Protein backbone atom coordinates (compact mmCIF):
# COMPACT_ATOMS: atom_id res chain seq x y z
CA MET A 1 10.90 5.26 18.12
CA SER A 2 9.78 1.65 17.64
CA LEU A 3 8.47 0.43 14.31
CA ILE A 4 4.96 0.04 15.76
CA GLN A 5 5.04 3.63 17.01
CA THR A 6 6.18 4.82 13.59
CA LEU A 7 3.39 2.92 11.82
CA ASN A 8 0.81 4.32 14.25
CA ARG A 9 1.94 7.85 13.35
CA LEU A 10 2.03 7.21 9.62
CA ILE A 11 -1.56 5.97 9.46
CA GLU A 12 -2.68 9.52 10.30
CA TYR A 13 -1.39 10.82 6.96
CA ASP A 14 -2.66 10.78 3.40
CA THR A 15 -0.69 8.44 1.11
CA ALA A 16 -0.10 11.11 -1.54
CA LEU A 17 1.24 13.51 1.08
CA LEU A 18 3.71 10.85 2.25
CA ALA A 19 4.79 10.23 -1.34
CA ASN A 20 5.40 13.96 -1.81
CA THR A 21 7.39 14.09 1.42
CA ILE A 22 9.55 11.11 0.45
CA GLY A 23 10.41 12.90 -2.79
CA PHE A 24 11.93 15.77 -0.82
CA ILE A 25 13.80 13.83 1.87
CA ASP A 26 14.97 10.60 0.25
CA PRO A 27 17.04 9.82 -2.87
CA THR A 28 14.97 6.77 -3.85
CA PRO A 29 13.62 7.35 -7.39
CA PRO A 30 9.82 7.70 -7.36
CA GLU A 31 9.37 4.92 -9.92
CA GLU A 32 10.69 2.51 -7.30
CA PHE A 33 8.18 3.25 -4.55
CA TYR A 34 4.77 4.11 -6.00
CA MET A 35 2.46 1.57 -7.62
CA SER A 36 0.63 2.15 -10.87
CA GLY A 37 -2.90 3.46 -10.99
CA ALA A 38 -4.08 -0.02 -11.92
CA ILE A 39 -3.92 -0.88 -8.22
CA GLN A 40 -6.91 0.83 -6.62
CA SER A 41 -8.84 0.52 -3.38
CA VAL A 42 -12.00 -1.56 -3.65
CA THR A 43 -12.84 -0.66 -0.02
CA PRO A 44 -12.16 3.09 -0.16
CA SER A 45 -13.96 4.02 3.05
CA LEU A 46 -11.59 1.83 5.09
CA GLY A 47 -8.30 3.57 4.27
CA PRO A 48 -5.62 4.47 4.97
CA SER A 49 -3.75 1.24 5.58
CA VAL A 50 -0.20 0.78 6.83
CA GLY A 51 1.82 -2.29 7.74
CA VAL A 52 4.80 -4.52 7.13
CA ALA A 53 4.71 -6.45 3.86
CA VAL A 54 4.28 -10.22 3.93
CA THR A 55 4.52 -11.55 0.40
CA CYS A 56 3.66 -14.48 -1.83
CA LYS A 57 2.63 -15.44 -5.35
CA LEU A 58 -0.81 -16.90 -5.99
CA ASP A 59 -2.20 -18.53 -9.12
CA SER A 60 -5.99 -18.43 -9.23
CA SER A 61 -6.59 -18.53 -12.97
CA THR A 62 -4.67 -21.41 -14.58
CA PRO A 63 -6.98 -24.30 -15.62
CA GLY A 64 -6.27 -27.86 -14.58
CA LYS A 65 -4.23 -27.27 -11.42
CA GLN A 66 -4.81 -28.93 -8.07
CA PRO A 67 -5.45 -26.52 -5.17
CA ASP A 68 -2.57 -25.94 -2.76
CA LEU A 69 -3.08 -23.38 -0.01
CA SER A 70 -0.44 -24.75 2.35
CA GLY A 71 1.76 -21.74 1.66
CA PHE A 72 -1.11 -19.39 2.49
CA TRP A 73 -1.55 -20.96 5.91
CA GLU A 74 2.20 -20.83 6.52
CA MET A 75 1.99 -17.12 5.74
CA VAL A 76 -0.96 -16.60 8.10
CA ASP A 77 0.96 -18.38 10.84
CA HIS A 78 3.92 -16.08 10.22
CA ILE A 79 1.67 -13.01 10.45
CA ASP A 80 0.19 -14.32 13.70
CA LYS A 81 3.68 -14.30 15.24
CA MET A 82 4.53 -10.76 14.12
CA GLU A 83 4.42 -7.83 16.54
CA GLU A 84 3.68 -5.26 13.84
CA PRO A 85 0.53 -5.03 11.72
CA ALA A 86 0.94 -6.79 8.37
CA VAL A 87 -0.10 -6.00 4.82
CA TRP A 88 -0.33 -9.01 2.50
CA VAL A 89 1.26 -8.17 -0.86
CA CYS A 90 0.23 -10.85 -3.35
CA GLU A 91 1.55 -11.18 -6.89
CA ALA A 92 -1.12 -12.77 -9.09
CA ALA A 93 0.86 -15.31 -11.09
CA GLY A 94 -1.67 -17.27 -13.15
CA SER A 95 -1.81 -17.77 -16.90
CA ARG A 96 -5.00 -15.69 -17.37
CA PRO A 97 -4.41 -12.33 -15.66
CA GLU A 98 -7.93 -11.02 -16.30
CA HIS A 99 -9.39 -14.05 -14.50
CA GLU A 100 -7.33 -13.75 -11.31
CA CYS A 101 -9.35 -13.66 -8.07
CA VAL A 102 -6.87 -14.09 -5.27
CA PHE A 103 -9.19 -13.95 -2.24
CA GLY A 104 -12.57 -13.20 -0.70
CA ASP A 105 -13.94 -12.55 2.75
CA GLY A 106 -13.25 -16.06 4.09
CA MET A 107 -9.48 -15.76 3.67
CA ALA A 108 -9.70 -12.15 4.84
CA LYS A 109 -11.22 -13.22 8.17
CA ALA A 110 -8.30 -15.56 8.85
CA LEU A 111 -5.81 -12.84 7.91
CA HIS A 112 -7.55 -10.23 10.04
CA VAL A 113 -7.56 -12.37 13.16
CA ALA A 114 -3.84 -13.06 12.67
CA GLY A 115 -3.02 -9.33 12.53
CA CYS A 116 -3.17 -8.43 8.83
CA SER A 117 -5.16 -5.32 7.96
CA ALA A 118 -5.02 -5.16 4.16
CA LEU A 119 -4.25 -6.90 0.88
CA VAL A 120 -2.38 -5.37 -2.06
CA THR A 121 -2.51 -7.38 -5.29
CA ASN A 122 -2.31 -7.10 -9.05
CA GLY A 123 -5.14 -9.62 -9.23
CA GLY A 124 -8.84 -9.30 -8.59
CA VAL A 125 -10.85 -9.84 -5.41
CA ARG A 126 -14.47 -10.45 -4.48
CA ASP A 127 -16.94 -10.36 -1.52
CA ILE A 128 -16.65 -6.62 -0.92
CA PRO A 129 -19.58 -6.41 1.55
CA GLY A 130 -17.90 -9.13 3.60
CA LEU A 131 -14.57 -7.31 3.53
CA MET A 132 -16.26 -4.11 4.70
CA SER A 133 -17.87 -5.92 7.62
CA ILE A 134 -14.60 -7.34 9.00
CA PRO A 135 -13.17 -4.65 8.26
CA PHE A 136 -10.38 -5.61 5.84
CA ALA A 137 -9.00 -3.24 3.20
CA ALA A 138 -8.16 -4.42 -0.32
CA TYR A 139 -6.17 -2.73 -3.07
CA ALA A 140 -6.45 -4.60 -6.36
CA ARG A 141 -6.91 -4.40 -10.12
CA GLY A 142 -10.64 -4.73 -9.59
CA LEU A 143 -13.34 -7.30 -8.96
CA THR A 144 -13.41 -10.86 -10.29
CA ILE A 145 -16.37 -13.09 -9.53
CA HIS A 146 -14.67 -16.51 -9.32
CA HIS A 147 -11.40 -18.40 -9.68
CA CYS A 148 -9.76 -21.67 -10.65
CA ALA A 149 -7.83 -23.74 -8.11
CA LEU A 150 -5.77 -21.55 -5.77
CA THR A 151 -2.06 -22.39 -5.58
CA VAL A 152 0.39 -20.43 -3.45
CA SER A 153 4.15 -20.20 -3.92
CA GLY A 154 7.09 -17.96 -3.08
CA VAL A 155 6.02 -17.12 0.48
CA ASN A 156 8.08 -14.21 1.85
CA GLU A 157 10.05 -13.80 -1.35
CA PRO A 158 10.23 -10.59 -3.45
CA VAL A 159 7.17 -9.92 -5.63
CA GLN A 160 6.26 -7.54 -8.45
CA VAL A 161 2.97 -5.70 -7.93
CA GLY A 162 1.84 -2.44 -9.52
CA GLY A 163 5.10 -2.07 -11.43
CA ILE A 164 7.40 -2.09 -8.40
CA ARG A 165 9.33 -4.70 -6.45
CA VAL A 166 8.14 -5.36 -2.90
CA ASN A 167 10.36 -7.26 -0.48
CA PRO A 168 9.19 -8.96 2.71
CA GLY A 169 9.49 -6.43 5.51
CA ASP A 170 8.91 -3.34 3.36
CA VAL A 171 6.49 -0.85 4.89
CA ILE A 172 3.36 -0.36 2.80
CA HIS A 173 1.05 2.67 2.97
CA ALA A 174 -2.18 2.90 0.97
CA ASN A 175 -5.45 4.76 0.76
CA ASN A 176 -8.26 5.39 -1.71
CA GLU A 177 -5.83 6.95 -4.22
CA GLY A 178 -3.18 4.24 -4.39
CA VAL A 179 -0.28 2.38 -2.82
CA ILE A 180 3.34 3.17 -1.96
CA LYS A 181 6.19 1.39 -0.22
CA ILE A 182 8.19 3.58 2.14
CA PRO A 183 11.97 3.48 1.68
CA ALA A 184 13.65 2.16 4.83
CA SER A 185 16.19 4.98 4.59
CA CYS A 186 13.60 7.63 5.52
CA LEU A 187 11.11 5.62 7.58
CA GLN A 188 12.13 6.95 10.99
CA ILE A 189 12.04 10.63 10.05
CA LEU A 190 9.01 10.44 7.78
CA PRO A 191 6.31 11.11 10.41
CA GLU A 192 7.98 14.33 11.56
CA LYS A 193 8.66 15.49 8.00
CA ALA A 194 5.11 14.61 6.95
CA GLY A 195 3.79 16.89 9.68
CA GLN A 196 5.90 19.70 8.26
CA MET A 197 4.69 18.87 4.76
CA VAL A 198 1.06 19.34 5.87
CA ILE A 199 1.83 22.90 6.95
CA PHE A 200 3.97 23.61 3.88
CA GLU A 201 1.23 22.44 1.49
CA LYS A 202 -1.39 24.55 3.26
CA GLU A 203 0.71 27.68 2.91
CA ALA A 204 1.77 26.82 -0.65
CA HIS A 205 -1.84 26.36 -1.70
CA GLU A 206 -2.68 29.75 -0.23
CA ILE A 207 0.03 31.20 -2.47
CA MET A 208 -1.46 29.47 -5.52
CA ARG A 209 -4.86 31.02 -4.78
CA ARG A 210 -3.61 34.59 -4.41
CA PRO A 211 -4.97 36.74 -7.28
CA ASP A 212 -2.68 39.62 -6.37
CA LEU A 213 0.52 37.59 -6.87
CA PRO A 214 1.80 37.40 -10.48
CA PRO A 215 2.07 33.80 -11.78
CA LEU A 216 5.85 34.03 -12.24
CA GLU A 217 6.24 35.02 -8.58
CA LYS A 218 4.39 32.00 -7.24
CA PRO A 219 7.19 29.45 -7.77
CA LYS A 220 9.62 31.85 -6.09
CA GLU A 221 7.37 32.11 -3.04
CA THR A 222 6.94 28.34 -3.01
CA ALA A 223 10.73 27.85 -3.11
CA ARG A 224 11.01 30.21 -0.15
CA LEU A 225 8.52 28.07 1.77
CA LEU A 226 10.41 24.89 0.94
CA LYS A 227 13.53 26.38 2.45
CA LYS A 228 11.60 27.60 5.47
CA PHE A 229 10.38 24.06 6.24
CA GLY A 230 13.69 22.41 5.51
CA PHE A 231 12.82 20.65 2.26
């Protein structure tokens, strides 16, 4: 299965369900692939989002700098040449974290046309109505009304966002509950296993709701289901 085919299948699933599935099929520690709750969707009706990470650092809060967006346009050009959908993962790197505003709907339009569907950042964003109209999803620390000069660095180098390291080329999945990166070691089998997880969770939840089943028997029945579905 090609990477594009895999991404097209993964977008059908809830991000939390994928995170649960990864926990059963891959040895990657969870603290390495899920972002903190500080990173939340500011366009929740547009999710889920999935794509290949393109990364950079952006300073939008440090006073006295001269603007330099040359790296941003290099990144957009790189996205334009990609076959797969991209997710821009941007580490806000300014001196005043609470004043970071890394982009608005103008930059989002250029990204969208190039083939990028979403932004993930530990900074703030603005112009939500404009983002919704594109449509372009954003996962951020929140809203920030303005910014200092924008300066971009570290294009397609590793970044730290939401408490995890994201490398260029990592697959990102996000929805209105949060953001994960999918370990490469389980990417190909994840769509199939996620489908099995949907059925497992449905049956497990039915067990949890059974009033006739003693509480101490419920984990035993759940363990039986896990074995049944190969987890």
